[in-house]
């Protein structure tokens, strides 16, 4: 995989290296909507779908988060869906309330971009996260990763959901 993505066709550089499928998922520290720190350890024993978006205030990110929120109703209780962006926790909470998002947990990487750096998804030029979806199994292994080459395109929902179900 390349350490570049495009945004409306313009090349952008990603900071760091991608996490590797088949290896332990790197830990990270982000904030939930009440400003409490969360890390990978907080989800131990669960299969995670991590939906990574540049900003909830854009059409594709909005649609991605709404779709995963809908899909969550059909998934095992052992699967948690997290959406991570660099939006402020206050903005994430406001957006979730307005959008009726109640099954996906939104987390902010704004403070230290710990997640973006750990997974190689921080866009250097914009200080946003590249669009991606990751699946981490209950043992903490990264079992699926899709980094969307063009940030304005959607993720492959079906492939991510299938990977999460297989990871149970």
N, C-alpha and C. Protein backbone atom coordinates (compact mmCIF):
# COMPACT_ATOMS: atom_id res chain seq x y z
N UNK A 1 0.84 -1.20 0.00
CA UNK A 1 0.00 0.00 0.00
C UNK A 1 0.88 1.25 0.00
N UNK A 2 0.41 2.25 -0.65
CA UNK A 2 1.12 3.52 -0.74
C UNK A 2 0.84 4.36 0.50
N UNK A 3 1.79 5.19 0.89
CA UNK A 3 1.58 6.11 2.01
C UNK A 3 1.06 7.45 1.50
N UNK A 4 0.25 7.36 0.46
CA UNK A 4 -0.43 8.53 -0.09
C UNK A 4 -1.88 8.18 -0.36
N UNK A 5 -2.72 9.19 -0.28
CA UNK A 5 -4.10 9.12 -0.73
C UNK A 5 -4.34 10.36 -1.56
N UNK A 6 -5.50 10.42 -2.18
CA UNK A 6 -5.84 11.65 -2.89
C UNK A 6 -7.13 12.22 -2.31
N UNK A 7 -7.26 13.51 -2.46
CA UNK A 7 -8.49 14.22 -2.10
C UNK A 7 -8.87 15.03 -3.33
N UNK A 8 -9.97 14.69 -3.94
CA UNK A 8 -10.42 15.25 -5.22
C UNK A 8 -9.29 15.22 -6.26
N UNK A 9 -8.55 14.11 -6.26
CA UNK A 9 -7.49 13.90 -7.23
C UNK A 9 -6.13 14.44 -6.86
N UNK A 10 -6.04 15.24 -5.80
CA UNK A 10 -4.76 15.81 -5.39
C UNK A 10 -4.07 14.91 -4.39
N UNK A 11 -2.80 14.57 -4.63
CA UNK A 11 -2.05 13.66 -3.78
C UNK A 11 -1.77 14.28 -2.42
N UNK A 12 -1.94 13.47 -1.38
CA UNK A 12 -1.65 13.86 0.00
C UNK A 12 -0.82 12.77 0.65
N UNK A 13 0.03 13.16 1.58
CA UNK A 13 0.93 12.23 2.25
C UNK A 13 0.39 11.79 3.60
N UNK A 14 0.56 10.51 3.90
CA UNK A 14 0.17 9.98 5.20
C UNK A 14 1.40 9.86 6.09
N UNK A 15 1.23 10.20 7.36
CA UNK A 15 2.32 10.17 8.32
C UNK A 15 2.47 8.74 8.85
N UNK A 16 3.69 8.23 8.84
CA UNK A 16 3.96 6.92 9.42
C UNK A 16 3.66 5.78 8.47
N UNK A 17 3.66 4.58 9.04
CA UNK A 17 3.43 3.37 8.28
C UNK A 17 2.10 2.76 8.64
N UNK A 18 1.47 2.11 7.68
CA UNK A 18 0.21 1.43 7.94
C UNK A 18 0.44 0.31 8.95
N UNK A 19 -0.55 0.10 9.80
CA UNK A 19 -0.55 -1.08 10.66
C UNK A 19 -0.64 -2.29 9.73
N UNK A 20 -0.13 -3.42 10.17
CA UNK A 20 -0.08 -4.59 9.31
C UNK A 20 -1.12 -5.63 9.69
N UNK A 21 -1.91 -6.06 8.70
CA UNK A 21 -2.88 -7.12 8.91
C UNK A 21 -2.13 -8.38 9.34
N UNK A 22 -2.68 -9.06 10.34
CA UNK A 22 -2.07 -10.28 10.87
C UNK A 22 -1.20 -10.03 12.10
N UNK A 23 -0.97 -8.76 12.43
CA UNK A 23 -0.17 -8.43 13.61
C UNK A 23 -1.07 -7.81 14.68
N UNK A 24 -0.53 -7.69 15.89
CA UNK A 24 -1.27 -7.02 16.96
C UNK A 24 -1.58 -5.60 16.54
N UNK A 25 -2.80 -5.19 16.81
CA UNK A 25 -3.21 -3.82 16.49
C UNK A 25 -2.49 -2.86 17.43
N UNK A 26 -1.95 -1.78 16.91
CA UNK A 26 -1.28 -0.80 17.78
C UNK A 26 -2.28 -0.14 18.74
N UNK A 27 -1.82 0.15 19.94
CA UNK A 27 -2.67 0.86 20.89
C UNK A 27 -2.75 2.33 20.49
N UNK A 28 -3.70 3.03 21.04
CA UNK A 28 -3.90 4.44 20.75
C UNK A 28 -4.64 5.06 21.91
N UNK A 29 -4.66 6.38 21.95
CA UNK A 29 -5.41 7.11 22.97
C UNK A 29 -6.23 8.20 22.28
N UNK A 30 -7.55 8.13 22.45
CA UNK A 30 -8.48 9.10 21.87
C UNK A 30 -9.43 9.56 22.97
N UNK A 31 -10.30 10.50 22.65
CA UNK A 31 -11.27 11.00 23.62
C UNK A 31 -12.68 10.64 23.20
N UNK A 32 -13.49 10.21 24.17
CA UNK A 32 -14.91 9.99 23.85
C UNK A 32 -15.64 11.32 23.95
N UNK A 33 -16.93 11.30 23.74
CA UNK A 33 -17.69 12.55 23.68
C UNK A 33 -17.81 13.26 25.02
N UNK A 34 -17.45 12.59 26.11
CA UNK A 34 -17.44 13.25 27.43
C UNK A 34 -16.01 13.56 27.89
N UNK A 35 -15.09 13.57 26.93
CA UNK A 35 -13.68 13.92 27.14
C UNK A 35 -12.91 12.91 27.98
N UNK A 36 -13.41 11.68 28.05
CA UNK A 36 -12.71 10.60 28.75
C UNK A 36 -11.78 9.89 27.76
N UNK A 37 -10.57 9.61 28.22
CA UNK A 37 -9.60 8.91 27.38
C UNK A 37 -10.04 7.47 27.15
N UNK A 38 -9.88 7.03 25.92
CA UNK A 38 -10.17 5.64 25.54
C UNK A 38 -8.97 5.10 24.79
N UNK A 39 -8.69 3.83 25.00
CA UNK A 39 -7.61 3.17 24.28
C UNK A 39 -8.11 1.82 23.81
N UNK A 40 -7.29 1.13 23.07
CA UNK A 40 -7.66 -0.19 22.56
C UNK A 40 -7.99 -1.14 23.71
N UNK A 41 -7.32 -0.98 24.83
CA UNK A 41 -7.55 -1.84 26.00
C UNK A 41 -8.98 -1.75 26.51
N UNK A 42 -9.63 -0.61 26.30
CA UNK A 42 -11.02 -0.44 26.76
C UNK A 42 -12.00 -1.35 26.01
N UNK A 43 -11.56 -1.94 24.91
CA UNK A 43 -12.44 -2.78 24.10
C UNK A 43 -11.94 -4.23 24.05
N UNK A 44 -11.10 -4.59 25.00
CA UNK A 44 -10.54 -5.94 25.04
C UNK A 44 -11.66 -6.98 25.07
N UNK A 45 -11.46 -8.05 24.31
CA UNK A 45 -12.44 -9.12 24.27
C UNK A 45 -13.57 -8.91 23.28
N UNK A 46 -13.59 -7.78 22.61
CA UNK A 46 -14.61 -7.48 21.60
C UNK A 46 -13.95 -7.45 20.21
N UNK A 47 -14.73 -7.79 19.21
CA UNK A 47 -14.30 -7.57 17.83
C UNK A 47 -14.68 -6.14 17.49
N UNK A 48 -13.75 -5.41 16.91
CA UNK A 48 -13.98 -3.99 16.60
C UNK A 48 -14.01 -3.74 15.10
N UNK A 49 -14.99 -2.98 14.68
CA UNK A 49 -14.95 -2.36 13.36
C UNK A 49 -14.62 -0.90 13.64
N UNK A 50 -13.49 -0.44 13.13
CA UNK A 50 -13.12 0.96 13.32
C UNK A 50 -13.29 1.67 11.99
N UNK A 51 -14.28 2.53 11.95
CA UNK A 51 -14.59 3.33 10.78
C UNK A 51 -13.85 4.66 10.95
N UNK A 52 -12.95 4.93 10.04
CA UNK A 52 -12.12 6.14 10.13
C UNK A 52 -12.59 7.13 9.08
N UNK A 53 -12.91 8.34 9.51
CA UNK A 53 -13.43 9.36 8.60
C UNK A 53 -12.68 10.68 8.78
N UNK A 54 -12.54 11.46 7.71
CA UNK A 54 -11.91 12.78 7.84
C UNK A 54 -12.71 13.72 8.74
N UNK A 55 -14.03 13.84 8.52
CA UNK A 55 -14.87 14.71 9.34
C UNK A 55 -16.32 14.30 9.19
N UNK A 56 -17.02 14.20 10.31
CA UNK A 56 -18.43 13.82 10.28
C UNK A 56 -19.29 14.84 9.54
N UNK A 57 -18.78 16.05 9.37
CA UNK A 57 -19.53 17.12 8.72
C UNK A 57 -19.43 17.10 7.19
N UNK A 58 -19.05 15.98 6.62
CA UNK A 58 -19.02 15.86 5.16
C UNK A 58 -19.99 14.76 4.73
N UNK A 59 -20.45 14.83 3.52
CA UNK A 59 -21.46 13.90 3.03
C UNK A 59 -21.07 12.44 3.08
N UNK A 60 -19.86 12.11 2.61
CA UNK A 60 -19.44 10.70 2.57
C UNK A 60 -19.21 10.18 3.99
N UNK A 61 -18.63 11.00 4.87
CA UNK A 61 -18.39 10.59 6.26
C UNK A 61 -19.71 10.41 7.00
N UNK A 62 -20.63 11.31 6.77
CA UNK A 62 -21.97 11.23 7.35
C UNK A 62 -22.62 9.91 6.91
N UNK A 63 -22.59 9.62 5.62
CA UNK A 63 -23.20 8.40 5.10
C UNK A 63 -22.51 7.15 5.64
N UNK A 64 -21.19 7.19 5.76
CA UNK A 64 -20.44 6.04 6.27
C UNK A 64 -20.84 5.74 7.71
N UNK A 65 -20.93 6.76 8.52
CA UNK A 65 -21.27 6.57 9.93
C UNK A 65 -22.72 6.13 10.09
N UNK A 66 -23.62 6.72 9.32
CA UNK A 66 -25.03 6.29 9.37
C UNK A 66 -25.18 4.84 8.93
N UNK A 67 -24.46 4.44 7.90
CA UNK A 67 -24.57 3.05 7.41
C UNK A 67 -24.08 2.08 8.48
N UNK A 68 -22.94 2.36 9.10
CA UNK A 68 -22.45 1.46 10.15
C UNK A 68 -23.39 1.46 11.35
N UNK A 69 -24.01 2.58 11.65
CA UNK A 69 -24.99 2.63 12.74
C UNK A 69 -26.18 1.71 12.43
N UNK A 70 -26.64 1.71 11.19
CA UNK A 70 -27.74 0.83 10.78
C UNK A 70 -27.31 -0.64 10.84
N UNK A 71 -26.13 -0.92 10.35
CA UNK A 71 -25.63 -2.30 10.32
C UNK A 71 -25.42 -2.86 11.72
N UNK A 72 -25.12 -2.00 12.69
CA UNK A 72 -24.85 -2.46 14.05
C UNK A 72 -26.02 -3.24 14.63
N UNK A 73 -27.24 -2.91 14.24
CA UNK A 73 -28.42 -3.59 14.76
C UNK A 73 -28.45 -5.06 14.36
N UNK A 74 -27.77 -5.42 13.27
CA UNK A 74 -27.78 -6.79 12.77
C UNK A 74 -26.54 -7.59 13.18
N UNK A 75 -25.70 -7.02 14.00
CA UNK A 75 -24.45 -7.67 14.36
C UNK A 75 -24.51 -8.26 15.77
N UNK A 76 -23.62 -9.18 16.03
CA UNK A 76 -23.48 -9.79 17.34
C UNK A 76 -23.14 -8.71 18.38
N UNK A 77 -23.55 -8.96 19.61
CA UNK A 77 -23.19 -8.05 20.71
C UNK A 77 -21.69 -8.05 20.97
N UNK A 78 -20.99 -9.02 20.41
CA UNK A 78 -19.54 -9.10 20.58
C UNK A 78 -18.78 -8.23 19.58
N UNK A 79 -19.51 -7.52 18.72
CA UNK A 79 -18.89 -6.59 17.76
C UNK A 79 -19.25 -5.17 18.16
N UNK A 80 -18.24 -4.34 18.29
CA UNK A 80 -18.45 -2.92 18.57
C UNK A 80 -17.98 -2.13 17.36
N UNK A 81 -18.69 -1.06 17.05
CA UNK A 81 -18.31 -0.19 15.94
C UNK A 81 -17.90 1.16 16.50
N UNK A 82 -16.70 1.57 16.16
CA UNK A 82 -16.16 2.86 16.57
C UNK A 82 -15.96 3.71 15.31
N UNK A 83 -16.29 4.98 15.39
CA UNK A 83 -15.95 5.91 14.32
C UNK A 83 -14.95 6.89 14.91
N UNK A 84 -13.80 7.00 14.26
CA UNK A 84 -12.75 7.89 14.74
C UNK A 84 -12.49 8.96 13.69
N UNK A 85 -12.47 10.22 14.16
CA UNK A 85 -12.13 11.37 13.32
C UNK A 85 -11.36 12.36 14.19
N UNK A 86 -10.90 13.44 13.58
CA UNK A 86 -10.25 14.49 14.38
C UNK A 86 -11.23 15.59 14.74
N UNK A 87 -12.52 15.38 14.49
CA UNK A 87 -13.52 16.34 14.95
C UNK A 87 -13.44 16.44 16.47
N UNK A 88 -13.74 17.62 17.00
CA UNK A 88 -13.76 17.79 18.45
C UNK A 88 -14.86 16.92 19.07
N UNK A 89 -14.64 16.41 20.27
CA UNK A 89 -15.66 15.58 20.93
C UNK A 89 -17.02 16.28 21.03
N UNK A 90 -17.02 17.60 21.25
CA UNK A 90 -18.28 18.35 21.35
C UNK A 90 -19.04 18.31 20.02
N UNK A 91 -18.30 18.47 18.93
CA UNK A 91 -18.91 18.43 17.60
C UNK A 91 -19.43 17.02 17.28
N UNK A 92 -18.66 16.01 17.68
CA UNK A 92 -19.12 14.63 17.46
C UNK A 92 -20.42 14.37 18.21
N UNK A 93 -20.48 14.79 19.47
CA UNK A 93 -21.69 14.57 20.26
C UNK A 93 -22.88 15.29 19.64
N UNK A 94 -22.68 16.52 19.21
CA UNK A 94 -23.75 17.29 18.58
C UNK A 94 -24.22 16.62 17.29
N UNK A 95 -23.26 16.19 16.47
CA UNK A 95 -23.60 15.53 15.22
C UNK A 95 -24.37 14.23 15.48
N UNK A 96 -23.91 13.41 16.42
CA UNK A 96 -24.59 12.15 16.73
C UNK A 96 -26.03 12.41 17.19
N UNK A 97 -26.23 13.42 18.01
CA UNK A 97 -27.58 13.75 18.47
C UNK A 97 -28.48 14.16 17.32
N UNK A 98 -27.95 14.98 16.43
CA UNK A 98 -28.75 15.45 15.29
C UNK A 98 -29.02 14.33 14.29
N UNK A 99 -28.07 13.39 14.16
CA UNK A 99 -28.20 12.32 13.17
C UNK A 99 -28.87 11.08 13.73
N UNK A 100 -29.12 11.05 15.04
CA UNK A 100 -29.74 9.87 15.65
C UNK A 100 -28.81 8.68 15.73
N UNK A 101 -27.52 8.92 15.83
CA UNK A 101 -26.54 7.84 15.92
C UNK A 101 -26.49 7.35 17.36
N UNK A 102 -26.84 6.07 17.54
CA UNK A 102 -26.90 5.54 18.91
C UNK A 102 -26.25 4.17 19.07
N UNK A 103 -25.72 3.60 17.99
CA UNK A 103 -25.10 2.28 18.08
C UNK A 103 -23.60 2.32 17.76
N UNK A 104 -23.15 3.42 17.19
CA UNK A 104 -21.74 3.62 16.87
C UNK A 104 -21.18 4.58 17.90
N UNK A 105 -20.00 4.27 18.41
CA UNK A 105 -19.33 5.16 19.36
C UNK A 105 -18.36 6.05 18.60
N UNK A 106 -18.53 7.37 18.70
CA UNK A 106 -17.61 8.28 18.04
C UNK A 106 -16.51 8.68 19.00
N UNK A 107 -15.29 8.72 18.47
CA UNK A 107 -14.11 9.03 19.26
C UNK A 107 -13.27 10.07 18.52
N UNK A 108 -12.67 10.98 19.27
CA UNK A 108 -11.89 12.07 18.68
C UNK A 108 -10.39 11.83 18.81
N UNK A 109 -9.70 11.95 17.69
CA UNK A 109 -8.25 11.86 17.66
C UNK A 109 -7.62 13.25 17.56
N UNK A 110 -8.43 14.26 17.87
CA UNK A 110 -7.99 15.65 17.71
C UNK A 110 -6.80 16.01 18.59
N UNK A 111 -6.83 15.59 19.82
CA UNK A 111 -5.85 16.04 20.80
C UNK A 111 -4.41 15.72 20.41
N UNK A 112 -4.08 14.47 20.23
CA UNK A 112 -2.69 14.09 19.97
C UNK A 112 -2.50 13.31 18.68
N UNK A 113 -3.53 13.10 17.91
CA UNK A 113 -3.52 12.28 16.70
C UNK A 113 -2.80 10.94 16.94
N UNK A 114 -3.02 10.40 18.13
CA UNK A 114 -2.42 9.12 18.52
C UNK A 114 -2.85 7.99 17.60
N UNK A 115 -4.14 7.92 17.30
CA UNK A 115 -4.65 6.86 16.43
C UNK A 115 -4.07 7.03 15.01
N UNK A 116 -4.18 8.22 14.46
CA UNK A 116 -3.70 8.47 13.10
C UNK A 116 -2.23 8.14 12.94
N UNK A 117 -1.43 8.48 13.93
CA UNK A 117 0.00 8.18 13.88
C UNK A 117 0.26 6.68 14.02
N UNK A 118 -0.46 6.02 14.92
CA UNK A 118 -0.24 4.59 15.17
C UNK A 118 -0.61 3.72 13.97
N UNK A 119 -1.60 4.17 13.19
CA UNK A 119 -2.09 3.37 12.07
C UNK A 119 -1.66 3.91 10.71
N UNK A 120 -0.86 4.98 10.69
CA UNK A 120 -0.39 5.54 9.43
C UNK A 120 -1.48 6.21 8.62
N UNK A 121 -2.50 6.76 9.30
CA UNK A 121 -3.66 7.33 8.61
C UNK A 121 -3.79 8.84 8.75
N UNK A 122 -2.81 9.50 9.36
CA UNK A 122 -2.86 10.95 9.52
C UNK A 122 -2.40 11.62 8.23
N UNK A 123 -3.26 12.46 7.66
CA UNK A 123 -2.92 13.18 6.43
C UNK A 123 -2.09 14.41 6.82
N UNK A 124 -0.84 14.40 6.43
CA UNK A 124 0.12 15.44 6.83
C UNK A 124 -0.36 16.84 6.48
N UNK A 125 -0.81 17.03 5.26
CA UNK A 125 -1.15 18.37 4.78
C UNK A 125 -2.43 18.93 5.40
N UNK A 126 -3.35 18.09 5.84
CA UNK A 126 -4.65 18.56 6.31
C UNK A 126 -4.90 18.33 7.81
N UNK A 127 -4.04 17.53 8.46
CA UNK A 127 -4.25 17.11 9.85
C UNK A 127 -5.64 16.50 10.03
N UNK A 128 -6.05 15.73 9.04
CA UNK A 128 -7.27 14.93 9.07
C UNK A 128 -6.86 13.47 8.95
N UNK A 129 -7.79 12.58 9.21
CA UNK A 129 -7.52 11.16 9.02
C UNK A 129 -7.99 10.74 7.63
N UNK A 130 -7.25 9.83 7.02
CA UNK A 130 -7.65 9.26 5.74
C UNK A 130 -8.85 8.35 5.97
N UNK A 131 -9.70 8.23 4.97
CA UNK A 131 -10.86 7.34 5.06
C UNK A 131 -10.38 5.89 5.05
N UNK A 132 -10.84 5.13 6.04
CA UNK A 132 -10.42 3.74 6.15
C UNK A 132 -11.43 2.97 6.99
N UNK A 133 -11.30 1.67 6.96
CA UNK A 133 -12.06 0.82 7.87
C UNK A 133 -11.13 -0.33 8.27
N UNK A 134 -11.12 -0.61 9.56
CA UNK A 134 -10.26 -1.65 10.13
C UNK A 134 -11.11 -2.62 10.92
N UNK A 135 -10.68 -3.86 11.00
CA UNK A 135 -11.32 -4.83 11.88
C UNK A 135 -10.24 -5.43 12.76
N UNK A 136 -10.51 -5.40 14.06
CA UNK A 136 -9.60 -5.97 15.05
C UNK A 136 -10.36 -7.08 15.78
N UNK A 137 -9.77 -8.27 15.85
CA UNK A 137 -10.47 -9.38 16.50
C UNK A 137 -10.36 -9.29 18.02
N UNK A 138 -11.06 -10.18 18.72
CA UNK A 138 -11.12 -10.13 20.18
C UNK A 138 -9.77 -10.36 20.83
N UNK A 139 -8.80 -10.90 20.08
CA UNK A 139 -7.45 -11.10 20.60
C UNK A 139 -6.55 -9.89 20.37
N UNK A 140 -7.10 -8.86 19.73
CA UNK A 140 -6.32 -7.65 19.48
C UNK A 140 -5.50 -7.67 18.21
N UNK A 141 -5.81 -8.61 17.31
CA UNK A 141 -5.08 -8.69 16.04
C UNK A 141 -5.82 -7.91 14.96
N UNK A 142 -5.08 -7.19 14.15
CA UNK A 142 -5.67 -6.51 13.00
C UNK A 142 -5.92 -7.55 11.92
N UNK A 143 -7.19 -7.79 11.58
CA UNK A 143 -7.53 -8.86 10.63
C UNK A 143 -8.04 -8.31 9.29
N UNK A 144 -8.32 -7.03 9.22
CA UNK A 144 -8.81 -6.44 7.97
C UNK A 144 -8.47 -4.95 7.98
N UNK A 145 -8.08 -4.46 6.80
CA UNK A 145 -7.79 -3.03 6.67
C UNK A 145 -8.06 -2.60 5.23
N UNK A 146 -8.83 -1.54 5.11
CA UNK A 146 -9.02 -0.91 3.81
C UNK A 146 -8.75 0.58 3.99
N UNK A 147 -7.76 1.07 3.27
CA UNK A 147 -7.50 2.51 3.21
C UNK A 147 -7.97 2.95 1.83
N UNK A 148 -8.95 3.83 1.80
CA UNK A 148 -9.55 4.24 0.53
C UNK A 148 -8.58 5.19 -0.19
N UNK A 149 -8.16 4.85 -1.42
CA UNK A 149 -7.17 5.67 -2.12
C UNK A 149 -7.63 7.11 -2.37
N UNK A 150 -8.91 7.29 -2.71
CA UNK A 150 -9.47 8.63 -2.93
C UNK A 150 -10.42 8.92 -1.78
N UNK A 151 -10.08 9.91 -0.97
CA UNK A 151 -10.81 10.18 0.28
C UNK A 151 -12.28 10.51 0.10
N UNK A 152 -12.69 10.89 -1.10
CA UNK A 152 -14.09 11.22 -1.32
C UNK A 152 -14.92 9.99 -1.70
N UNK A 153 -14.27 8.82 -1.82
CA UNK A 153 -14.97 7.58 -2.15
C UNK A 153 -15.34 6.82 -0.88
N UNK A 154 -16.39 5.99 -0.94
CA UNK A 154 -16.81 5.23 0.24
C UNK A 154 -15.94 3.99 0.48
N UNK A 155 -16.05 3.45 1.68
CA UNK A 155 -15.39 2.20 2.02
C UNK A 155 -16.22 1.03 1.48
N UNK A 156 -15.64 -0.15 1.48
CA UNK A 156 -16.35 -1.37 1.09
C UNK A 156 -17.04 -1.93 2.34
N UNK A 157 -18.27 -1.53 2.57
CA UNK A 157 -19.01 -1.93 3.77
C UNK A 157 -19.14 -3.44 3.88
N UNK A 158 -19.51 -4.08 2.78
CA UNK A 158 -19.74 -5.53 2.81
C UNK A 158 -18.49 -6.29 3.22
N UNK A 159 -17.34 -5.92 2.68
CA UNK A 159 -16.09 -6.61 3.01
C UNK A 159 -15.73 -6.42 4.49
N UNK A 160 -15.92 -5.22 5.00
CA UNK A 160 -15.61 -4.95 6.41
C UNK A 160 -16.54 -5.73 7.34
N UNK A 161 -17.82 -5.73 7.01
CA UNK A 161 -18.79 -6.45 7.85
C UNK A 161 -18.54 -7.95 7.82
N UNK A 162 -18.20 -8.49 6.65
CA UNK A 162 -17.89 -9.91 6.53
C UNK A 162 -16.63 -10.25 7.34
N UNK A 163 -15.62 -9.39 7.28
CA UNK A 163 -14.39 -9.62 8.05
C UNK A 163 -14.69 -9.63 9.56
N UNK A 164 -15.56 -8.75 10.00
CA UNK A 164 -15.91 -8.69 11.42
C UNK A 164 -16.64 -9.97 11.84
N UNK A 165 -17.55 -10.44 11.01
CA UNK A 165 -18.29 -11.67 11.34
C UNK A 165 -17.37 -12.87 11.37
N UNK A 166 -16.40 -12.93 10.44
CA UNK A 166 -15.44 -14.02 10.42
C UNK A 166 -14.51 -13.97 11.64
N UNK A 167 -14.29 -12.79 12.18
CA UNK A 167 -13.35 -12.61 13.29
C UNK A 167 -13.94 -13.06 14.63
N UNK A 168 -15.25 -13.33 14.67
CA UNK A 168 -15.88 -13.71 15.94
C UNK A 168 -15.38 -15.00 16.49
